[in-house]
């Protein structure tokens, strides 16, 4: 049995879960998420737990089992607590500022880099060099943060660029003369 798949998902107080065959809808204080899951799996709610079961041990069904449980857990955590990624801008003149619901970054280019608003995502700028990406969908928060980081990824010599707050940039030694 999958160690992740057989673990029940605990539903915290204030979160409401509706299961309709293979479609799961989770409603909480931060919003509502809905997702259709795989027909091979059985999803049921007992007391304040969600249990995902599989009918057999075929490799593709085993793979879906843990994935479905993890996705349901992310939905429950998203609507109750939300997700956050923090980015740091490292470099002389690198700064960020909120532009409406979007973001405007100065990353050493001849023009400002504009990040348009994304539905379900809020940007918060702390100081001039820290950007918080918040939302209820883990996938979307991670993708938006990765897109911002890709605008100027950290380079290994001086460490300049956009990096995650918990990321460690391995530094290289410069040219020896």
Protein backbone atom coordinates (compact mmCIF):
# COMPACT_ATOMS: atom_id res chain seq x y z
CA UNK A 1 0.00 0.00 0.00
CA UNK A 2 1.10 3.55 -0.67
CA UNK A 3 2.25 5.23 2.53
CA UNK A 4 0.90 8.58 1.33
CA UNK A 5 -2.31 7.15 -0.16
CA UNK A 6 -3.48 5.21 2.89
CA UNK A 7 -3.12 8.17 5.25
CA UNK A 8 -6.49 9.90 5.81
CA UNK A 9 -6.89 13.62 5.13
CA UNK A 10 -8.12 15.36 8.28
CA UNK A 11 -10.72 18.07 7.67
CA UNK A 12 -10.15 21.06 10.00
CA UNK A 13 -12.96 23.07 11.58
CA UNK A 14 -14.55 25.58 9.21
CA UNK A 15 -13.89 23.49 6.08
CA UNK A 16 -16.76 21.81 4.26
CA UNK A 17 -16.14 18.91 1.86
CA UNK A 18 -18.61 17.61 -0.73
CA UNK A 19 -17.87 14.36 -2.57
CA UNK A 20 -19.90 13.58 -5.70
CA UNK A 21 -18.63 10.25 -7.14
CA UNK A 22 -15.10 11.27 -8.19
CA UNK A 23 -15.50 15.04 -7.91
CA UNK A 24 -14.37 16.66 -4.68
CA UNK A 25 -15.38 20.21 -3.71
CA UNK A 26 -13.72 21.85 -0.71
CA UNK A 27 -15.12 25.07 0.74
CA UNK A 28 -13.34 27.02 3.44
CA UNK A 29 -12.70 30.50 4.82
CA UNK A 30 -10.26 31.42 2.02
CA UNK A 31 -12.37 30.17 -0.91
CA UNK A 32 -13.62 27.13 -2.81
CA UNK A 33 -11.70 24.55 -4.82
CA UNK A 34 -13.13 21.75 -6.93
CA UNK A 35 -11.40 18.92 -8.79
CA UNK A 36 -12.47 15.80 -10.64
CA UNK A 37 -10.38 12.74 -9.79
CA UNK A 38 -9.72 9.41 -11.44
CA UNK A 39 -12.58 6.93 -11.91
CA UNK A 40 -10.43 4.02 -10.66
CA UNK A 41 -10.30 5.40 -7.12
CA UNK A 42 -12.93 5.46 -4.38
CA UNK A 43 -13.10 8.64 -2.31
CA UNK A 44 -15.20 8.67 0.83
CA UNK A 45 -15.73 10.87 3.85
CA UNK A 46 -15.90 9.30 7.32
CA UNK A 47 -16.43 11.59 10.32
CA UNK A 48 -14.04 14.49 9.62
CA UNK A 49 -11.61 12.54 7.44
CA UNK A 50 -11.34 11.85 3.72
CA UNK A 51 -10.15 8.38 2.74
CA UNK A 52 -8.89 7.46 -0.74
CA UNK A 53 -9.00 3.75 -1.65
CA UNK A 54 -7.87 1.82 -4.70
CA UNK A 55 -9.43 -1.37 -6.06
CA UNK A 56 -6.26 -3.22 -7.11
CA UNK A 57 -2.47 -3.04 -7.20
CA UNK A 58 -1.92 -2.26 -10.88
CA UNK A 59 1.03 0.14 -11.28
CA UNK A 60 -0.97 3.01 -12.78
CA UNK A 61 -3.67 2.78 -10.10
CA UNK A 62 -1.00 2.68 -7.37
CA UNK A 63 0.53 5.86 -8.80
CA UNK A 64 -2.85 7.63 -8.87
CA UNK A 65 -3.64 6.62 -5.28
CA UNK A 66 -0.95 8.70 -3.54
CA UNK A 67 -1.30 11.55 -6.03
CA UNK A 68 -5.06 11.87 -5.45
CA UNK A 69 -4.63 11.89 -1.67
CA UNK A 70 -1.90 14.56 -1.87
CA UNK A 71 -4.04 16.74 -4.17
CA UNK A 72 -7.03 16.50 -1.82
CA UNK A 73 -4.79 17.41 1.13
CA UNK A 74 -3.47 20.44 -0.81
CA UNK A 75 -7.05 21.53 -1.49
CA UNK A 76 -7.97 21.29 2.20
CA UNK A 77 -4.83 23.16 3.34
CA UNK A 78 -5.31 25.78 0.60
CA UNK A 79 -8.86 26.75 1.59
CA UNK A 80 -8.06 26.75 5.30
CA UNK A 81 -4.54 28.29 5.49
CA UNK A 82 -3.48 29.15 1.94
CA UNK A 83 -0.03 28.86 0.38
CA UNK A 84 2.81 31.38 0.20
CA UNK A 85 6.06 31.59 -1.75
CA UNK A 86 8.54 34.33 -0.90
CA UNK A 87 10.97 35.69 -3.49
CA UNK A 88 13.96 37.93 -2.84
CA UNK A 89 15.53 40.33 -5.34
CA UNK A 90 19.31 40.43 -4.95
CA UNK A 91 21.34 43.02 -6.85
CA UNK A 92 22.05 46.72 -7.05
CA UNK A 93 18.95 48.53 -8.31
CA UNK A 94 16.78 45.42 -8.25
CA UNK A 95 13.42 46.28 -6.72
CA UNK A 96 9.75 45.47 -6.86
CA UNK A 97 6.61 47.52 -6.44
CA UNK A 98 2.95 46.71 -6.57
CA UNK A 99 1.21 47.98 -9.70
CA UNK A 100 -2.52 47.61 -9.11
CA UNK A 101 -3.08 43.90 -8.59
CA UNK A 102 0.03 43.07 -10.58
CA UNK A 103 3.72 43.62 -10.00
CA UNK A 104 6.41 45.79 -11.55
CA UNK A 105 10.02 44.64 -11.24
CA UNK A 106 13.27 46.46 -11.98
CA UNK A 107 15.74 43.69 -12.77
CA UNK A 108 18.59 45.45 -14.53
CA UNK A 109 16.97 45.45 -17.95
CA UNK A 110 16.40 48.62 -19.96
CA UNK A 111 12.68 48.32 -19.21
CA UNK A 112 10.60 47.39 -16.16
CA UNK A 113 9.32 43.81 -16.11
CA UNK A 114 5.54 43.79 -15.56
CA UNK A 115 3.81 40.76 -14.06
CA UNK A 116 0.08 40.94 -14.79
CA UNK A 117 -2.48 39.97 -12.18
CA UNK A 118 -3.31 36.27 -11.97
CA UNK A 119 -6.74 35.20 -10.75
CA UNK A 120 -6.58 33.76 -7.26
CA UNK A 121 -3.08 35.16 -6.58
CA UNK A 122 -2.16 38.19 -4.50
CA UNK A 123 1.23 39.86 -4.56
CA UNK A 124 2.61 41.59 -1.48
CA UNK A 125 5.83 43.64 -1.60
CA UNK A 126 7.80 43.92 1.64
CA UNK A 127 10.47 46.59 1.59
CA UNK A 128 11.67 46.88 -2.00
CA UNK A 129 13.25 43.48 -2.38
CA UNK A 130 10.83 40.87 -0.99
CA UNK A 131 7.80 39.65 -2.90
CA UNK A 132 5.19 37.33 -1.36
CA UNK A 133 3.00 35.28 -3.72
CA UNK A 134 -0.16 34.10 -1.90
CA UNK A 135 -3.06 31.95 -3.05
CA UNK A 136 -5.21 28.91 -2.26
CA UNK A 137 -4.05 26.67 -5.14
CA UNK A 138 -0.58 25.28 -4.45
CA UNK A 139 0.10 24.52 -8.11
CA UNK A 140 -0.72 28.05 -9.27
CA UNK A 141 1.25 29.73 -6.47
CA UNK A 142 4.33 27.66 -7.32
CA UNK A 143 3.99 28.28 -11.05
CA UNK A 144 3.59 32.06 -10.69
CA UNK A 145 6.61 32.19 -8.35
CA UNK A 146 8.64 30.12 -10.83
CA UNK A 147 7.63 32.45 -13.68
CA UNK A 148 8.76 35.50 -11.70
CA UNK A 149 12.06 33.79 -10.81
CA UNK A 150 12.62 32.91 -14.47
CA UNK A 151 12.63 36.62 -15.40
CA UNK A 152 16.16 36.85 -13.90
CA UNK A 153 17.36 33.62 -12.28
CA UNK A 154 20.21 34.00 -9.76
CA UNK A 155 23.67 33.79 -11.30
CA UNK A 156 26.45 31.83 -9.56
CA UNK A 157 29.22 34.50 -9.42
CA UNK A 158 27.66 37.41 -7.53
CA UNK A 159 24.32 35.78 -6.67
CA UNK A 160 22.33 38.52 -8.43
CA UNK A 161 18.81 37.77 -9.55
CA UNK A 162 15.44 36.66 -8.23
CA UNK A 163 15.62 33.75 -5.81
CA UNK A 164 13.31 31.95 -3.41
CA UNK A 165 13.82 33.05 0.20
CA UNK A 166 14.91 29.56 1.25
CA UNK A 167 17.03 28.93 -1.86
CA UNK A 168 20.80 28.67 -1.50
CA UNK A 169 22.72 29.87 -4.55
CA UNK A 170 25.95 27.93 -4.97
CA UNK A 171 28.64 30.47 -5.64
CA UNK A 172 31.54 29.95 -8.02
CA UNK A 173 34.97 31.42 -7.75
CA UNK A 174 35.77 34.13 -10.26
CA UNK A 175 38.45 33.99 -12.92
CA UNK A 176 41.99 33.63 -11.54
CA UNK A 177 44.61 35.87 -13.03
